[in-house]
Amino acid sequence: MRTFFIALLFIFSSQARAQLFDSIRTSFDYKPKVLLKFDTRNSFISNQYAKIHGIKFGLSFNKTTNIGIGYNWMPKRLIERNFPNSNKIDLKFGYVVAFFEYNFYKSKYWSAEIPVQIGLGKAQYDDVDLSITTASSWIIIYEPAMTIEYKFLKYFGIGGGVGFRLAIKSNQQIKESFTAPEYILRFKIYFGDIYKDQILKK
């Protein structure tokens, strides 16, 4: 995590910030390519390990700036606590995001970027025995991170990184804490390159 924050400070220093904005602005002069990503964020909820899956769809401008929307969700999770009238409670957690990614390093096979997600979602307790929702809360999500990716077989990429999830709940009915560090695993399909090579060249 220390390396992550040092990198953020460097990238967003005054001189680097000017270069960043210029690079982003220039990238929008290029024709965008379709982008589809699947990722897994390994994190914690109330100090317990939690895995968050995500799918994202968007546009990539000159392989420098990526923008789009996505959905992240956690598989149902049994909460082992003493709740009134039940001993089986499932925690559901999912959220829609808008994402922005800036690629500050790229070579033929490697790239490094700063992705940021801002989203709105919902967490709820479901009583398994009664099949009802006993409590729920809207949650605002802010997730900055830094990732590294390796491209292989021309159209695919794998990567990983570290980040942080800041969560603000609308009420305290949901007792869990969703603010936590994250460790990211990613699988990427370059649909723009597939379309250009396999369809436009025919």
N, C-alpha and C. Protein backbone atom coordinates (compact mmCIF):
# COMPACT_ATOMS: atom_id res chain seq x y z
N MET A 1 0.82 -1.20 0.00
CA MET A 1 0.00 0.00 0.00
C MET A 1 0.86 1.26 0.00
N ARG A 2 2.02 1.21 0.65
CA ARG A 2 2.88 2.38 0.70
C ARG A 2 3.35 2.75 -0.70
N THR A 3 3.74 1.75 -1.51
CA THR A 3 4.18 2.01 -2.89
C THR A 3 3.05 2.64 -3.69
N PHE A 4 1.83 2.18 -3.46
CA PHE A 4 0.67 2.70 -4.17
C PHE A 4 0.50 4.19 -3.92
N PHE A 5 0.56 4.61 -2.66
CA PHE A 5 0.35 6.01 -2.33
C PHE A 5 1.52 6.88 -2.78
N ILE A 6 2.74 6.35 -2.77
CA ILE A 6 3.88 7.09 -3.28
C ILE A 6 3.71 7.35 -4.78
N ALA A 7 3.25 6.33 -5.50
CA ALA A 7 3.02 6.47 -6.94
C ALA A 7 1.95 7.51 -7.21
N LEU A 8 0.89 7.52 -6.41
CA LEU A 8 -0.17 8.50 -6.58
C LEU A 8 0.36 9.92 -6.38
N LEU A 9 1.18 10.11 -5.35
CA LEU A 9 1.73 11.43 -5.09
C LEU A 9 2.61 11.89 -6.25
N PHE A 10 3.38 10.97 -6.82
CA PHE A 10 4.25 11.32 -7.94
C PHE A 10 3.43 11.69 -9.18
N ILE A 11 2.44 10.86 -9.47
CA ILE A 11 1.64 11.08 -10.69
C ILE A 11 0.87 12.38 -10.62
N PHE A 12 0.39 12.72 -9.42
CA PHE A 12 -0.44 13.91 -9.29
C PHE A 12 0.33 15.10 -8.72
N SER A 13 1.66 15.10 -8.86
CA SER A 13 2.44 16.29 -8.54
C SER A 13 2.11 17.36 -9.57
N SER A 14 2.47 18.59 -9.32
CA SER A 14 2.06 19.70 -10.18
C SER A 14 2.51 19.52 -11.63
N GLN A 15 3.79 19.14 -11.82
CA GLN A 15 4.30 18.98 -13.18
C GLN A 15 3.66 17.77 -13.86
N ALA A 16 3.59 16.65 -13.12
CA ALA A 16 2.99 15.44 -13.69
C ALA A 16 1.51 15.64 -13.96
N ARG A 17 0.84 16.43 -13.12
CA ARG A 17 -0.58 16.67 -13.30
C ARG A 17 -0.85 17.41 -14.61
N ALA A 18 0.03 18.37 -14.96
CA ALA A 18 -0.13 19.09 -16.21
C ALA A 18 0.06 18.16 -17.40
N GLN A 19 1.05 17.26 -17.32
CA GLN A 19 1.27 16.29 -18.39
C GLN A 19 0.11 15.31 -18.48
N LEU A 20 -0.45 14.94 -17.31
CA LEU A 20 -1.58 14.02 -17.27
C LEU A 20 -2.77 14.61 -18.01
N PHE A 21 -3.15 15.85 -17.69
CA PHE A 21 -4.31 16.46 -18.33
C PHE A 21 -4.10 16.62 -19.82
N ASP A 22 -2.87 16.96 -20.22
CA ASP A 22 -2.58 17.11 -21.64
C ASP A 22 -2.68 15.77 -22.36
N SER A 23 -2.18 14.71 -21.72
CA SER A 23 -2.24 13.37 -22.31
C SER A 23 -3.68 12.89 -22.44
N ILE A 24 -4.49 13.15 -21.42
CA ILE A 24 -5.90 12.76 -21.46
C ILE A 24 -6.63 13.52 -22.55
N ARG A 25 -6.41 14.83 -22.61
CA ARG A 25 -7.07 15.65 -23.62
C ARG A 25 -6.72 15.19 -25.03
N THR A 26 -5.45 14.89 -25.27
CA THR A 26 -5.01 14.45 -26.59
C THR A 26 -5.59 13.09 -26.95
N SER A 27 -5.75 12.22 -25.98
CA SER A 27 -6.26 10.87 -26.25
C SER A 27 -7.66 10.89 -26.84
N PHE A 28 -8.46 11.91 -26.50
CA PHE A 28 -9.82 11.98 -27.01
C PHE A 28 -9.88 12.39 -28.48
N ASP A 29 -8.74 12.72 -29.07
CA ASP A 29 -8.69 13.02 -30.51
C ASP A 29 -8.69 11.74 -31.34
N TYR A 30 -8.47 10.60 -30.70
CA TYR A 30 -8.40 9.32 -31.40
C TYR A 30 -9.76 8.62 -31.37
N LYS A 31 -9.97 7.78 -32.36
CA LYS A 31 -11.20 7.00 -32.44
C LYS A 31 -11.21 5.97 -31.32
N PRO A 32 -12.29 5.89 -30.55
CA PRO A 32 -12.32 4.96 -29.41
C PRO A 32 -12.50 3.51 -29.84
N LYS A 33 -12.04 2.61 -28.97
CA LYS A 33 -12.23 1.17 -29.17
C LYS A 33 -13.07 0.61 -28.04
N VAL A 34 -13.86 -0.41 -28.35
CA VAL A 34 -14.71 -1.03 -27.35
C VAL A 34 -13.87 -1.79 -26.33
N LEU A 35 -14.26 -1.70 -25.08
CA LEU A 35 -13.50 -2.30 -23.99
C LEU A 35 -14.44 -3.14 -23.12
N LEU A 36 -14.03 -4.36 -22.80
CA LEU A 36 -14.77 -5.22 -21.89
C LEU A 36 -13.80 -5.82 -20.88
N LYS A 37 -14.10 -5.69 -19.60
CA LYS A 37 -13.20 -6.18 -18.56
C LYS A 37 -13.96 -6.99 -17.52
N PHE A 38 -13.27 -8.02 -17.03
CA PHE A 38 -13.76 -8.79 -15.88
C PHE A 38 -12.67 -8.70 -14.81
N ASP A 39 -13.04 -8.38 -13.60
CA ASP A 39 -12.02 -8.33 -12.56
C ASP A 39 -12.56 -8.85 -11.24
N THR A 40 -11.64 -9.17 -10.36
CA THR A 40 -11.97 -9.62 -9.01
C THR A 40 -11.19 -8.78 -8.02
N ARG A 41 -11.90 -8.22 -7.08
CA ARG A 41 -11.26 -7.42 -6.03
C ARG A 41 -11.33 -8.19 -4.71
N ASN A 42 -10.18 -8.56 -4.22
CA ASN A 42 -10.10 -9.26 -2.94
C ASN A 42 -9.96 -8.21 -1.85
N SER A 43 -10.90 -8.22 -0.93
CA SER A 43 -10.93 -7.17 0.07
C SER A 43 -11.43 -7.71 1.40
N PHE A 44 -11.95 -6.80 2.24
CA PHE A 44 -12.45 -7.17 3.56
C PHE A 44 -13.75 -6.43 3.84
N ILE A 45 -14.65 -7.09 4.52
CA ILE A 45 -15.87 -6.47 5.03
C ILE A 45 -15.94 -6.81 6.51
N SER A 46 -15.91 -5.78 7.33
CA SER A 46 -15.87 -5.98 8.80
C SER A 46 -14.72 -6.90 9.19
N ASN A 47 -13.55 -6.65 8.61
CA ASN A 47 -12.32 -7.40 8.91
C ASN A 47 -12.38 -8.87 8.53
N GLN A 48 -13.34 -9.26 7.70
CA GLN A 48 -13.42 -10.61 7.19
C GLN A 48 -13.20 -10.59 5.68
N TYR A 49 -12.48 -11.60 5.18
CA TYR A 49 -12.16 -11.64 3.75
C TYR A 49 -13.43 -11.64 2.91
N ALA A 50 -13.43 -10.85 1.83
CA ALA A 50 -14.57 -10.78 0.92
C ALA A 50 -14.06 -10.63 -0.51
N LYS A 51 -14.69 -11.36 -1.43
CA LYS A 51 -14.33 -11.30 -2.85
C LYS A 51 -15.43 -10.57 -3.61
N ILE A 52 -15.04 -9.54 -4.38
CA ILE A 52 -15.98 -8.76 -5.17
C ILE A 52 -15.69 -8.99 -6.65
N HIS A 53 -16.69 -9.47 -7.38
CA HIS A 53 -16.56 -9.68 -8.81
C HIS A 53 -17.05 -8.44 -9.56
N GLY A 54 -16.49 -8.19 -10.75
CA GLY A 54 -16.91 -7.03 -11.51
C GLY A 54 -16.86 -7.25 -13.00
N ILE A 55 -17.78 -6.61 -13.71
CA ILE A 55 -17.77 -6.60 -15.17
C ILE A 55 -17.91 -5.14 -15.61
N LYS A 56 -17.11 -4.74 -16.59
CA LYS A 56 -17.09 -3.35 -17.02
C LYS A 56 -17.11 -3.25 -18.54
N PHE A 57 -17.85 -2.30 -19.03
CA PHE A 57 -17.97 -2.07 -20.47
C PHE A 57 -17.73 -0.59 -20.73
N GLY A 58 -16.89 -0.29 -21.73
CA GLY A 58 -16.61 1.11 -22.00
C GLY A 58 -15.87 1.33 -23.29
N LEU A 59 -15.19 2.48 -23.36
CA LEU A 59 -14.44 2.89 -24.55
C LEU A 59 -13.01 3.22 -24.14
N SER A 60 -12.07 2.85 -25.01
CA SER A 60 -10.65 3.14 -24.78
C SER A 60 -10.17 4.11 -25.86
N PHE A 61 -9.59 5.23 -25.43
CA PHE A 61 -9.10 6.24 -26.34
C PHE A 61 -7.57 6.19 -26.40
N ASN A 62 -7.06 5.71 -27.52
CA ASN A 62 -5.62 5.63 -27.77
C ASN A 62 -4.90 4.80 -26.71
N LYS A 63 -5.61 3.85 -26.10
CA LYS A 63 -5.04 3.00 -25.05
C LYS A 63 -4.45 3.82 -23.90
N THR A 64 -4.98 5.04 -23.74
CA THR A 64 -4.50 5.94 -22.69
C THR A 64 -5.59 6.26 -21.68
N THR A 65 -6.77 6.58 -22.18
CA THR A 65 -7.89 6.94 -21.32
C THR A 65 -9.06 5.99 -21.56
N ASN A 66 -9.54 5.36 -20.51
CA ASN A 66 -10.69 4.46 -20.60
C ASN A 66 -11.83 5.00 -19.74
N ILE A 67 -13.03 4.99 -20.29
CA ILE A 67 -14.20 5.41 -19.54
C ILE A 67 -15.33 4.43 -19.79
N GLY A 68 -16.24 4.30 -18.83
CA GLY A 68 -17.36 3.39 -19.04
C GLY A 68 -18.15 3.17 -17.76
N ILE A 69 -18.96 2.13 -17.78
CA ILE A 69 -19.80 1.78 -16.65
C ILE A 69 -19.59 0.30 -16.31
N GLY A 70 -20.00 -0.09 -15.12
CA GLY A 70 -19.84 -1.49 -14.74
C GLY A 70 -20.71 -1.84 -13.55
N TYR A 71 -20.62 -3.10 -13.18
CA TYR A 71 -21.36 -3.58 -12.01
C TYR A 71 -20.46 -4.51 -11.21
N ASN A 72 -20.43 -4.30 -9.91
CA ASN A 72 -19.65 -5.12 -8.99
C ASN A 72 -20.59 -5.78 -7.98
N TRP A 73 -20.29 -7.02 -7.63
CA TRP A 73 -21.15 -7.71 -6.67
C TRP A 73 -20.36 -8.71 -5.84
N MET A 74 -20.85 -8.97 -4.67
CA MET A 74 -20.28 -9.98 -3.79
C MET A 74 -21.23 -11.17 -3.76
N PRO A 75 -20.73 -12.40 -3.91
CA PRO A 75 -21.60 -13.58 -3.76
C PRO A 75 -22.26 -13.57 -2.38
N LYS A 76 -23.44 -14.18 -2.29
CA LYS A 76 -24.14 -14.23 -1.01
C LYS A 76 -23.21 -14.73 0.09
N ARG A 77 -23.34 -14.12 1.24
CA ARG A 77 -22.43 -14.44 2.34
C ARG A 77 -23.21 -14.63 3.63
N LEU A 78 -23.02 -15.75 4.26
CA LEU A 78 -23.72 -16.05 5.51
C LEU A 78 -23.04 -15.32 6.66
N ILE A 79 -23.84 -14.55 7.40
CA ILE A 79 -23.33 -13.79 8.54
C ILE A 79 -23.55 -14.60 9.81
N GLU A 80 -22.49 -14.89 10.51
CA GLU A 80 -22.59 -15.69 11.73
C GLU A 80 -22.64 -14.77 12.95
N ARG A 81 -23.84 -14.22 13.17
CA ARG A 81 -24.04 -13.35 14.32
C ARG A 81 -25.40 -13.64 14.93
N ASN A 82 -25.62 -13.10 16.09
CA ASN A 82 -26.90 -13.31 16.77
C ASN A 82 -27.89 -12.23 16.36
N PHE A 83 -28.73 -12.53 15.36
CA PHE A 83 -29.76 -11.62 14.92
C PHE A 83 -31.10 -12.05 15.54
N PRO A 84 -32.00 -11.10 15.81
CA PRO A 84 -33.30 -11.44 16.38
C PRO A 84 -34.09 -12.38 15.47
N ASN A 85 -34.67 -13.42 16.06
CA ASN A 85 -35.60 -14.32 15.38
C ASN A 85 -34.98 -15.17 14.27
N SER A 86 -33.66 -15.20 14.16
CA SER A 86 -33.06 -16.02 13.10
C SER A 86 -31.59 -16.27 13.39
N ASN A 87 -31.10 -17.40 12.93
CA ASN A 87 -29.67 -17.67 13.05
C ASN A 87 -29.03 -17.85 11.68
N LYS A 88 -29.78 -17.55 10.60
CA LYS A 88 -29.24 -17.63 9.25
C LYS A 88 -29.54 -16.33 8.50
N ILE A 89 -28.50 -15.53 8.32
CA ILE A 89 -28.64 -14.24 7.64
C ILE A 89 -27.63 -14.16 6.51
N ASP A 90 -28.13 -13.83 5.31
CA ASP A 90 -27.26 -13.62 4.16
C ASP A 90 -27.03 -12.13 3.96
N LEU A 91 -25.78 -11.75 3.70
CA LEU A 91 -25.46 -10.38 3.36
C LEU A 91 -25.33 -10.27 1.84
N LYS A 92 -26.10 -9.38 1.22
CA LYS A 92 -25.99 -9.10 -0.20
C LYS A 92 -25.36 -7.72 -0.39
N PHE A 93 -24.48 -7.61 -1.37
CA PHE A 93 -23.79 -6.35 -1.61
C PHE A 93 -23.46 -6.23 -3.09
N GLY A 94 -23.96 -5.17 -3.73
CA GLY A 94 -23.67 -4.93 -5.14
C GLY A 94 -23.78 -3.44 -5.45
N TYR A 95 -23.07 -2.98 -6.49
CA TYR A 95 -23.11 -1.55 -6.81
C TYR A 95 -22.74 -1.30 -8.27
N VAL A 96 -23.42 -0.30 -8.84
CA VAL A 96 -23.15 0.17 -10.21
C VAL A 96 -22.09 1.26 -10.14
N VAL A 97 -21.16 1.26 -11.10
CA VAL A 97 -20.08 2.25 -11.08
C VAL A 97 -19.90 2.92 -12.43
N ALA A 98 -19.39 4.13 -12.38
CA ALA A 98 -18.79 4.78 -13.54
C ALA A 98 -17.30 4.73 -13.30
N PHE A 99 -16.52 4.35 -14.32
CA PHE A 99 -15.08 4.23 -14.10
C PHE A 99 -14.29 5.09 -15.08
N PHE A 100 -13.12 5.49 -14.61
CA PHE A 100 -12.16 6.27 -15.40
C PHE A 100 -10.79 5.67 -15.15
N GLU A 101 -10.04 5.43 -16.22
CA GLU A 101 -8.71 4.83 -16.09
C GLU A 101 -7.71 5.62 -16.94
N TYR A 102 -6.59 5.94 -16.33
CA TYR A 102 -5.51 6.64 -17.05
C TYR A 102 -4.29 5.74 -17.11
N ASN A 103 -3.85 5.43 -18.32
CA ASN A 103 -2.69 4.57 -18.53
C ASN A 103 -1.44 5.44 -18.61
N PHE A 104 -0.61 5.39 -17.56
CA PHE A 104 0.56 6.27 -17.52
C PHE A 104 1.84 5.57 -18.00
N TYR A 105 1.75 4.27 -18.30
CA TYR A 105 2.89 3.56 -18.88
C TYR A 105 2.37 2.46 -19.79
N LYS A 106 2.95 2.36 -21.00
CA LYS A 106 2.54 1.29 -21.90
C LYS A 106 3.69 0.92 -22.84
N SER A 107 3.84 -0.39 -23.04
CA SER A 107 4.80 -0.92 -24.00
C SER A 107 4.05 -1.97 -24.81
N LYS A 108 4.77 -2.79 -25.57
CA LYS A 108 4.11 -3.78 -26.41
C LYS A 108 3.29 -4.77 -25.60
N TYR A 109 3.81 -5.18 -24.45
CA TYR A 109 3.13 -6.19 -23.65
C TYR A 109 2.66 -5.69 -22.28
N TRP A 110 3.30 -4.65 -21.75
CA TRP A 110 3.00 -4.21 -20.39
C TRP A 110 2.33 -2.84 -20.37
N SER A 111 1.49 -2.63 -19.37
CA SER A 111 0.89 -1.32 -19.16
C SER A 111 0.62 -1.14 -17.67
N ALA A 112 0.58 0.11 -17.25
CA ALA A 112 0.27 0.43 -15.85
C ALA A 112 -0.69 1.61 -15.85
N GLU A 113 -1.68 1.55 -14.97
CA GLU A 113 -2.70 2.58 -15.00
C GLU A 113 -3.25 2.89 -13.61
N ILE A 114 -3.92 4.03 -13.55
CA ILE A 114 -4.61 4.47 -12.34
C ILE A 114 -6.11 4.41 -12.64
N PRO A 115 -6.82 3.40 -12.14
CA PRO A 115 -8.27 3.35 -12.32
C PRO A 115 -9.00 3.94 -11.11
N VAL A 116 -10.09 4.62 -11.40
CA VAL A 116 -10.94 5.18 -10.34
C VAL A 116 -12.38 4.81 -10.63
N GLN A 117 -13.08 4.32 -9.59
CA GLN A 117 -14.49 3.97 -9.71
C GLN A 117 -15.31 4.80 -8.72
N ILE A 118 -16.44 5.31 -9.20
CA ILE A 118 -17.39 5.99 -8.32
C ILE A 118 -18.75 5.35 -8.56
N GLY A 119 -19.40 4.91 -7.50
CA GLY A 119 -20.63 4.17 -7.71
C GLY A 119 -21.64 4.29 -6.59
N LEU A 120 -22.79 3.71 -6.86
CA LEU A 120 -23.88 3.67 -5.89
C LEU A 120 -24.42 2.25 -5.84
N GLY A 121 -24.56 1.72 -4.64
CA GLY A 121 -25.04 0.36 -4.52
C GLY A 121 -25.89 0.16 -3.29
N LYS A 122 -26.12 -1.10 -2.98
CA LYS A 122 -27.00 -1.43 -1.86
C LYS A 122 -26.48 -2.67 -1.15
N ALA A 123 -26.57 -2.64 0.16
CA ALA A 123 -26.26 -3.80 0.99
C ALA A 123 -27.52 -4.15 1.78
N GLN A 124 -27.76 -5.43 1.95
CA GLN A 124 -28.95 -5.83 2.71
C GLN A 124 -28.76 -7.15 3.41
N TYR A 125 -29.49 -7.32 4.52
CA TYR A 125 -29.55 -8.58 5.24
C TYR A 125 -30.81 -9.32 4.81
N ASP A 126 -30.66 -10.57 4.38
CA ASP A 126 -31.80 -11.42 4.03
C ASP A 126 -31.93 -12.55 5.04
N ASP A 127 -33.10 -12.66 5.63
CA ASP A 127 -33.39 -13.75 6.55
C ASP A 127 -33.65 -15.01 5.73
N VAL A 128 -32.76 -15.99 5.84
CA VAL A 128 -32.87 -17.21 5.04
C VAL A 128 -34.10 -18.02 5.45
N ASP A 129 -34.40 -18.07 6.74
CA ASP A 129 -35.52 -18.88 7.22
C ASP A 129 -36.87 -18.30 6.79
N LEU A 130 -36.99 -16.97 6.84
CA LEU A 130 -38.26 -16.32 6.54
C LEU A 130 -38.36 -15.81 5.11
N SER A 131 -37.22 -15.84 4.38
CA SER A 131 -37.17 -15.35 2.99
C SER A 131 -37.60 -13.89 2.88
N ILE A 132 -37.10 -13.06 3.77
CA ILE A 132 -37.42 -11.63 3.74
C ILE A 132 -36.13 -10.82 3.96
N THR A 133 -36.18 -9.57 3.57
CA THR A 133 -35.09 -8.64 3.82
C THR A 133 -35.34 -7.94 5.15
N THR A 134 -34.41 -8.06 6.07
CA THR A 134 -34.60 -7.49 7.40
C THR A 134 -34.01 -6.09 7.56
N ALA A 135 -33.04 -5.74 6.71
CA ALA A 135 -32.43 -4.42 6.79
C ALA A 135 -31.69 -4.14 5.49
N SER A 136 -31.57 -2.86 5.14
CA SER A 136 -30.86 -2.50 3.91
C SER A 136 -30.29 -1.09 4.04
N SER A 137 -29.33 -0.78 3.20
CA SER A 137 -28.72 0.54 3.22
C SER A 137 -28.13 0.85 1.84
N TRP A 138 -28.38 2.06 1.35
CA TRP A 138 -27.70 2.53 0.14
C TRP A 138 -26.27 2.90 0.51
N ILE A 139 -25.34 2.64 -0.43
CA ILE A 139 -23.93 2.89 -0.15
C ILE A 139 -23.28 3.62 -1.33
N ILE A 140 -22.60 4.71 -1.03
CA ILE A 140 -21.81 5.44 -2.02
C ILE A 140 -20.38 4.89 -1.98
N ILE A 141 -19.85 4.56 -3.16
CA ILE A 141 -18.53 3.92 -3.25
C ILE A 141 -17.55 4.80 -4.01
N TYR A 142 -16.35 4.92 -3.48
CA TYR A 142 -15.24 5.58 -4.18
C TYR A 142 -14.03 4.65 -4.09
N GLU A 143 -13.47 4.25 -5.26
CA GLU A 143 -12.40 3.26 -5.28
C GLU A 143 -11.26 3.70 -6.21
N PRO A 144 -10.19 4.28 -5.68
CA PRO A 144 -8.98 4.51 -6.47
C PRO A 144 -8.06 3.29 -6.37
N ALA A 145 -7.22 3.10 -7.38
CA ALA A 145 -6.30 1.95 -7.35
C ALA A 145 -5.14 2.20 -8.31
N MET A 146 -4.20 1.27 -8.33
CA MET A 146 -3.13 1.24 -9.32
C MET A 146 -2.95 -0.20 -9.78
N THR A 147 -2.94 -0.43 -11.09
CA THR A 147 -2.85 -1.79 -11.62
C THR A 147 -1.76 -1.91 -12.68
N ILE A 148 -1.28 -3.13 -12.85
CA ILE A 148 -0.32 -3.47 -13.91
C ILE A 148 -0.91 -4.60 -14.73
N GLU A 149 -0.74 -4.53 -16.05
CA GLU A 149 -1.38 -5.52 -16.93
C GLU A 149 -0.37 -6.06 -17.95
N TYR A 150 -0.51 -7.34 -18.26
CA TYR A 150 0.32 -8.00 -19.27
C TYR A 150 -0.57 -8.49 -20.40
N LYS A 151 -0.26 -8.12 -21.62
CA LYS A 151 -1.04 -8.50 -22.79
C LYS A 151 -0.44 -9.75 -23.43
N PHE A 152 -1.31 -10.74 -23.78
CA PHE A 152 -0.83 -11.97 -24.38
C PHE A 152 -1.80 -12.43 -25.47
N LEU A 153 -1.32 -13.27 -26.38
CA LEU A 153 -2.11 -13.80 -27.49
C LEU A 153 -2.84 -12.69 -28.25
N LYS A 154 -2.27 -11.51 -28.26
CA LYS A 154 -2.70 -10.33 -29.02
C LYS A 154 -3.99 -9.70 -28.53
N TYR A 155 -4.97 -10.51 -28.11
CA TYR A 155 -6.29 -9.97 -27.80
C TYR A 155 -6.69 -10.10 -26.33
N PHE A 156 -5.79 -10.56 -25.48
CA PHE A 156 -6.15 -10.80 -24.10
C PHE A 156 -5.11 -10.18 -23.15
N GLY A 157 -5.57 -9.87 -21.95
CA GLY A 157 -4.67 -9.31 -20.96
C GLY A 157 -5.02 -9.81 -19.56
N ILE A 158 -4.00 -9.96 -18.73
CA ILE A 158 -4.20 -10.31 -17.33
C ILE A 158 -3.43 -9.29 -16.49
N GLY A 159 -3.91 -9.04 -15.30
CA GLY A 159 -3.23 -8.06 -14.48
C GLY A 159 -3.62 -8.12 -13.03
N GLY A 160 -3.03 -7.22 -12.26
CA GLY A 160 -3.32 -7.14 -10.84
C GLY A 160 -2.93 -5.79 -10.29
N GLY A 161 -3.36 -5.52 -9.08
CA GLY A 161 -3.02 -4.23 -8.49
C GLY A 161 -3.54 -4.11 -7.07
N VAL A 162 -3.39 -2.92 -6.52
CA VAL A 162 -3.85 -2.63 -5.17
C VAL A 162 -4.68 -1.35 -5.20
N GLY A 163 -5.60 -1.23 -4.26
CA GLY A 163 -6.45 -0.06 -4.19
C GLY A 163 -7.09 0.08 -2.83
N PHE A 164 -8.10 0.94 -2.79
CA PHE A 164 -8.79 1.19 -1.52
C PHE A 164 -10.25 1.50 -1.82
N ARG A 165 -11.15 0.94 -1.02
CA ARG A 165 -12.58 1.20 -1.17
C ARG A 165 -13.08 2.04 0.00
N LEU A 166 -13.59 3.23 -0.34
CA LEU A 166 -14.20 4.10 0.65
C LEU A 166 -15.71 3.99 0.48
N ALA A 167 -16.43 3.62 1.54
CA ALA A 167 -17.87 3.41 1.46
C ALA A 167 -18.59 4.27 2.49
N ILE A 168 -19.64 4.95 2.03
CA ILE A 168 -20.46 5.78 2.90
C ILE A 168 -21.88 5.23 2.88
N LYS A 169 -22.39 4.79 4.04
CA LYS A 169 -23.72 4.19 4.14
C LYS A 169 -24.79 5.26 4.41
N SER A 170 -26.00 4.99 3.90
CA SER A 170 -27.10 5.92 4.11
C SER A 170 -27.69 5.80 5.51
N ASN A 171 -27.50 4.65 6.16
CA ASN A 171 -27.98 4.46 7.53
C ASN A 171 -27.14 3.38 8.19
N GLN A 172 -27.40 3.14 9.46
CA GLN A 172 -26.62 2.18 10.23
C GLN A 172 -27.34 0.86 10.47
N GLN A 173 -28.41 0.59 9.68
CA GLN A 173 -29.09 -0.69 9.81
C GLN A 173 -28.18 -1.85 9.43
N ILE A 174 -27.31 -1.60 8.46
CA ILE A 174 -26.30 -2.59 8.08
C ILE A 174 -25.07 -2.34 8.94
N LYS A 175 -24.71 -3.29 9.76
CA LYS A 175 -23.64 -3.08 10.74
C LYS A 175 -22.24 -3.24 10.15
N GLU A 176 -22.15 -3.80 8.96
CA GLU A 176 -20.84 -4.10 8.39
C GLU A 176 -20.07 -2.83 8.00
N SER A 177 -18.76 -2.93 8.01
CA SER A 177 -17.88 -1.86 7.53
C SER A 177 -17.34 -2.26 6.15
N PHE A 178 -17.63 -1.45 5.14
CA PHE A 178 -17.23 -1.78 3.76
C PHE A 178 -15.97 -1.03 3.33
N THR A 179 -15.50 -0.11 4.11
CA THR A 179 -14.27 0.62 3.80
C THR A 179 -13.07 -0.27 4.10
N ALA A 180 -12.20 -0.49 3.09
CA ALA A 180 -11.10 -1.44 3.27
C ALA A 180 -10.12 -1.37 2.10
N PRO A 181 -8.88 -1.84 2.29
CA PRO A 181 -7.95 -1.99 1.15
C PRO A 181 -8.41 -3.11 0.24
N GLU A 182 -7.91 -3.09 -1.02
CA GLU A 182 -8.30 -4.09 -2.00
C GLU A 182 -7.08 -4.61 -2.76
N TYR A 183 -7.18 -5.86 -3.20
CA TYR A 183 -6.17 -6.46 -4.05
C TYR A 183 -6.89 -6.97 -5.30
N ILE A 184 -6.44 -6.51 -6.47
CA ILE A 184 -7.22 -6.68 -7.70
C ILE A 184 -6.60 -7.73 -8.61
N LEU A 185 -7.43 -8.60 -9.18
CA LEU A 185 -7.07 -9.52 -10.24
C LEU A 185 -7.96 -9.20 -11.43
N ARG A 186 -7.39 -9.21 -12.64
CA ARG A 186 -8.14 -8.74 -13.80
C ARG A 186 -7.90 -9.61 -15.02
N PHE A 187 -8.96 -9.80 -15.80
CA PHE A 187 -8.89 -10.45 -17.11
C PHE A 187 -9.54 -9.50 -18.13
N LYS A 188 -8.86 -9.25 -19.23
CA LYS A 188 -9.32 -8.24 -20.18
C LYS A 188 -9.35 -8.81 -21.60
N ILE A 189 -10.40 -8.46 -22.35
CA ILE A 189 -10.53 -8.84 -23.76
C ILE A 189 -10.49 -7.57 -24.60
N TYR A 190 -9.59 -7.52 -25.58
CA TYR A 190 -9.45 -6.34 -26.43
C TYR A 190 -10.37 -6.48 -27.64
N PHE A 191 -11.67 -6.19 -27.44
CA PHE A 191 -12.64 -6.34 -28.52
C PHE A 191 -12.37 -5.37 -29.66
N GLY A 192 -11.83 -4.19 -29.33
CA GLY A 192 -11.51 -3.23 -30.38
C GLY A 192 -10.49 -3.78 -31.35
N ASP A 193 -9.46 -4.43 -30.84
CA ASP A 193 -8.43 -5.03 -31.70
C ASP A 193 -8.99 -6.21 -32.48
N ILE A 194 -9.86 -7.01 -31.85
CA ILE A 194 -10.49 -8.13 -32.55
C ILE A 194 -11.33 -7.63 -33.72
N TYR A 195 -12.11 -6.58 -33.45
CA TYR A 195 -12.97 -6.03 -34.50
C TYR A 195 -12.15 -5.48 -35.66
N LYS A 196 -11.08 -4.79 -35.34
CA LYS A 196 -10.25 -4.19 -36.38
C LYS A 196 -9.55 -5.24 -37.22
N ASP A 197 -9.03 -6.29 -36.58
CA ASP A 197 -8.24 -7.30 -37.29
C ASP A 197 -9.10 -8.37 -37.99
N GLN A 198 -10.20 -8.76 -37.35
CA GLN A 198 -10.97 -9.90 -37.86
C GLN A 198 -12.16 -9.49 -38.72
N ILE A 199 -12.65 -8.28 -38.57
CA ILE A 199 -13.84 -7.85 -39.30
C ILE A 199 -13.51 -6.79 -40.34
N LEU A 200 -12.83 -5.73 -39.93
CA LEU A 200 -12.56 -4.64 -40.87
C LEU A 200 -11.60 -5.04 -41.97
N LYS A 201 -10.70 -6.00 -41.68
CA LYS A 201 -9.72 -6.41 -42.70
C LYS A 201 -10.25 -7.45 -43.68
N LYS A 202 -11.46 -7.97 -43.44
CA LYS A 202 -12.02 -8.97 -44.35
C LYS A 202 -12.53 -8.31 -45.63
